[in-house]
Amino acid sequence: MKASTDFLLALSTKLQEIADNTADMETESELNELIDKINESI
């Protein structure tokens, strides 16, 4: 089942919020990679 675009946009936005507020650079980098993959699939 394909996830809805609205859900993916909301997920990407929330993950970006978390990445922007984390102090751990490795976690931020990993989240940004995941966000990029989500955005590519939209």
PDB file of N, CA and C in Angstrom:
ATOM      1  N   MET A   1       0.843  -1.185   0.000  1.00  0.00           N
ATOM      2  CA  MET A   1       0.000   0.000   0.000  1.00  0.00           C
ATOM      3  C   MET A   1       0.886   1.246   0.000  1.00  0.00           C
ATOM      4  N   LYS A   2       0.602   2.157  -0.883  1.00  0.00           N
ATOM      5  CA  LYS A   2       1.389   3.378  -0.988  1.00  0.00           C
ATOM      6  C   LYS A   2       0.893   4.409   0.032  1.00  0.00           C
ATOM      7  N   ALA A   3       1.830   5.014   0.734  1.00  0.00           N
ATOM      8  CA  ALA A   3       1.467   6.033   1.719  1.00  0.00           C
ATOM      9  C   ALA A   3       0.981   7.286   0.999  1.00  0.00           C
ATOM     10  N   SER A   4       0.046   7.966   1.605  1.00  0.00           N
ATOM     11  CA  SER A   4      -0.492   9.172   0.981  1.00  0.00           C
ATOM     12  C   SER A   4       0.546  10.295   1.002  1.00  0.00           C
ATOM     13  N   THR A   5       0.443  11.159   0.019  1.00  0.00           N
ATOM     14  CA  THR A   5       1.357  12.296  -0.083  1.00  0.00           C
ATOM     15  C   THR A   5       1.253  13.185   1.146  1.00  0.00           C
ATOM     16  N   ASP A   6       0.029  13.400   1.636  1.00  0.00           N
ATOM     17  CA  ASP A   6      -0.159  14.240   2.823  1.00  0.00           C
ATOM     18  C   ASP A   6       0.571  13.665   4.028  1.00  0.00           C
ATOM     19  N   PHE A   7       0.495  12.337   4.185  1.00  0.00           N
ATOM     20  CA  PHE A   7       1.181  11.691   5.302  1.00  0.00           C
ATOM     21  C   PHE A   7       2.690  11.853   5.167  1.00  0.00           C
ATOM     22  N   LEU A   8       3.212  11.623   3.967  1.00  0.00           N
ATOM     23  CA  LEU A   8       4.657  11.736   3.753  1.00  0.00           C
ATOM     24  C   LEU A   8       5.146  13.165   3.971  1.00  0.00           C
ATOM     25  N   LEU A   9       4.364  14.135   3.536  1.00  0.00           N
ATOM     26  CA  LEU A   9       4.735  15.534   3.771  1.00  0.00           C
ATOM     27  C   LEU A   9       4.755  15.855   5.265  1.00  0.00           C
ATOM     28  N   ALA A  10       3.755  15.373   5.989  1.00  0.00           N
ATOM     29  CA  ALA A  10       3.698  15.608   7.433  1.00  0.00           C
ATOM     30  C   ALA A  10       4.861  14.926   8.142  1.00  0.00           C
ATOM     31  N   LEU A  11       5.174  13.705   7.724  1.00  0.00           N
ATOM     32  CA  LEU A  11       6.292  12.970   8.315  1.00  0.00           C
ATOM     33  C   LEU A  11       7.606  13.692   8.052  1.00  0.00           C
ATOM     34  N   SER A  12       7.809  14.118   6.828  1.00  0.00           N
ATOM     35  CA  SER A  12       9.023  14.839   6.459  1.00  0.00           C
ATOM     36  C   SER A  12       9.173  16.122   7.266  1.00  0.00           C
ATOM     37  N   THR A  13       8.078  16.849   7.421  1.00  0.00           N
ATOM     38  CA  THR A  13       8.094  18.096   8.186  1.00  0.00           C
ATOM     39  C   THR A  13       8.453  17.839   9.644  1.00  0.00           C
ATOM     40  N   LYS A  14       7.857  16.813  10.234  1.00  0.00           N
ATOM     41  CA  LYS A  14       8.124  16.502  11.644  1.00  0.00           C
ATOM     42  C   LYS A  14       9.566  16.036  11.836  1.00  0.00           C
ATOM     43  N   LEU A  15      10.050  15.199  10.927  1.00  0.00           N
ATOM     44  CA  LEU A  15      11.437  14.740  11.027  1.00  0.00           C
ATOM     45  C   LEU A  15      12.413  15.902  10.867  1.00  0.00           C
ATOM     46  N   GLN A  16      12.090  16.853  10.002  1.00  0.00           N
ATOM     47  CA  GLN A  16      12.948  18.026   9.835  1.00  0.00           C
ATOM     48  C   GLN A  16      12.986  18.847  11.114  1.00  0.00           C
ATOM     49  N   GLU A  17      11.835  18.959  11.768  1.00  0.00           N
ATOM     50  CA  GLU A  17      11.747  19.667  13.045  1.00  0.00           C
ATOM     51  C   GLU A  17      12.653  19.002  14.087  1.00  0.00           C
ATOM     52  N   ILE A  18      12.604  17.678  14.145  1.00  0.00           N
ATOM     53  CA  ILE A  18      13.435  16.924  15.087  1.00  0.00           C
ATOM     54  C   ILE A  18      14.910  17.104  14.742  1.00  0.00           C
ATOM     55  N   ALA A  19      15.247  16.997  13.457  1.00  0.00           N
ATOM     56  CA  ALA A  19      16.639  17.150  13.021  1.00  0.00           C
ATOM     57  C   ALA A  19      17.169  18.540  13.365  1.00  0.00           C
ATOM     58  N   ASP A  20      16.341  19.555  13.180  1.00  0.00           N
ATOM     59  CA  ASP A  20      16.760  20.930  13.467  1.00  0.00           C
ATOM     60  C   ASP A  20      17.009  21.159  14.952  1.00  0.00           C
ATOM     61  N   ASN A  21      16.363  20.366  15.801  1.00  0.00           N
ATOM     62  CA  ASN A  21      16.457  20.585  17.244  1.00  0.00           C
ATOM     63  C   ASN A  21      17.350  19.589  17.973  1.00  0.00           C
ATOM     64  N   THR A  22      17.993  18.680  17.241  1.00  0.00           N
ATOM     65  CA  THR A  22      18.862  17.718  17.900  1.00  0.00           C
ATOM     66  C   THR A  22      20.281  18.267  18.002  1.00  0.00           C
ATOM     67  N   ALA A  23      20.942  17.938  19.087  1.00  0.00           N
ATOM     68  CA  ALA A  23      22.316  18.390  19.283  1.00  0.00           C
ATOM     69  C   ALA A  23      23.315  17.400  18.688  1.00  0.00           C
ATOM     70  N   ASP A  24      22.859  16.192  18.399  1.00  0.00           N
ATOM     71  CA  ASP A  24      23.738  15.141  17.893  1.00  0.00           C
ATOM     72  C   ASP A  24      23.846  15.240  16.374  1.00  0.00           C
ATOM     73  N   MET A  25      25.031  15.566  15.886  1.00  0.00           N
ATOM     74  CA  MET A  25      25.230  15.775  14.446  1.00  0.00           C
ATOM     75  C   MET A  25      25.008  14.500  13.638  1.00  0.00           C
ATOM     76  N   GLU A  26      25.378  13.356  14.193  1.00  0.00           N
ATOM     77  CA  GLU A  26      25.187  12.092  13.475  1.00  0.00           C
ATOM     78  C   GLU A  26      23.696  11.800  13.293  1.00  0.00           C
ATOM     79  N   THR A  27      22.927  12.016  14.350  1.00  0.00           N
ATOM     80  CA  THR A  27      21.477  11.812  14.265  1.00  0.00           C
ATOM     81  C   THR A  27      20.865  12.776  13.261  1.00  0.00           C
ATOM     82  N   GLU A  28      21.293  14.021  13.295  1.00  0.00           N
ATOM     83  CA  GLU A  28      20.776  15.015  12.352  1.00  0.00           C
ATOM     84  C   GLU A  28      21.079  14.601  10.912  1.00  0.00           C
ATOM     85  N   SER A  29      22.279  14.123  10.678  1.00  0.00           N
ATOM     86  CA  SER A  29      22.675  13.683   9.342  1.00  0.00           C
ATOM     87  C   SER A  29      21.824  12.509   8.871  1.00  0.00           C
ATOM     88  N   GLU A  30      21.615  11.534   9.754  1.00  0.00           N
ATOM     89  CA  GLU A  30      20.803  10.368   9.403  1.00  0.00           C
ATOM     90  C   GLU A  30      19.351  10.768   9.137  1.00  0.00           C
ATOM     91  N   LEU A  31      18.827  11.670   9.938  1.00  0.00           N
ATOM     92  CA  LEU A  31      17.456  12.141   9.721  1.00  0.00           C
ATOM     93  C   LEU A  31      17.344  12.880   8.388  1.00  0.00           C
ATOM     94  N   ASN A  32      18.349  13.684   8.063  1.00  0.00           N
ATOM     95  CA  ASN A  32      18.311  14.415   6.798  1.00  0.00           C
ATOM     96  C   ASN A  32      18.353  13.471   5.605  1.00  0.00           C
ATOM     97  N   GLU A  33      19.107  12.377   5.714  1.00  0.00           N
ATOM     98  CA  GLU A  33      19.126  11.372   4.648  1.00  0.00           C
ATOM     99  C   GLU A  33      17.741  10.746   4.488  1.00  0.00           C
ATOM    100  N   LEU A  34      17.096  10.428   5.604  1.00  0.00           N
ATOM    101  CA  LEU A  34      15.752   9.849   5.567  1.00  0.00           C
ATOM    102  C   LEU A  34      14.749  10.843   4.981  1.00  0.00           C
ATOM    103  N   ILE A  35      14.857  12.093   5.388  1.00  0.00           N
ATOM    104  CA  ILE A  35      13.975  13.141   4.869  1.00  0.00           C
ATOM    105  C   ILE A  35      14.136  13.261   3.352  1.00  0.00           C
ATOM    106  N   ASP A  36      15.377  13.230   2.878  1.00  0.00           N
ATOM    107  CA  ASP A  36      15.624  13.310   1.430  1.00  0.00           C
ATOM    108  C   ASP A  36      14.964  12.150   0.695  1.00  0.00           C
ATOM    109  N   LYS A  37      15.061  10.943   1.250  1.00  0.00           N
ATOM    110  CA  LYS A  37      14.439   9.774   0.620  1.00  0.00           C
ATOM    111  C   LYS A  37      12.920   9.914   0.582  1.00  0.00           C
ATOM    112  N   ILE A  38      12.345  10.413   1.672  1.00  0.00           N
ATOM    113  CA  ILE A  38      10.895  10.621   1.716  1.00  0.00           C
ATOM    114  C   ILE A  38      10.493  11.642   0.658  1.00  0.00           C
ATOM    115  N   ASN A  39      11.228  12.748   0.600  1.00  0.00           N
ATOM    116  CA  ASN A  39      10.883  13.804  -0.352  1.00  0.00           C
ATOM    117  C   ASN A  39      11.025  13.340  -1.799  1.00  0.00           C
ATOM    118  N   GLU A  40      11.990  12.475  -2.067  1.00  0.00           N
ATOM    119  CA  GLU A  40      12.165  11.938  -3.420  1.00  0.00           C
ATOM    120  C   GLU A  40      10.985  11.058  -3.825  1.00  0.00           C
ATOM    121  N   SER A  41      10.362  10.409  -2.851  1.00  0.00           N
ATOM    122  CA  SER A  41       9.270   9.489  -3.168  1.00  0.00           C
ATOM    123  C   SER A  41       7.916  10.194  -3.317  1.00  0.00           C
ATOM    124  N   ILE A  42       7.878  11.459  -2.972  1.00  0.00           N
ATOM    125  CA  ILE A  42       6.611  12.212  -3.063  1.00  0.00           C
ATOM    126  C   ILE A  42       6.370  12.635  -4.506  1.00  0.00           C
TER     127      ILE A  42
END
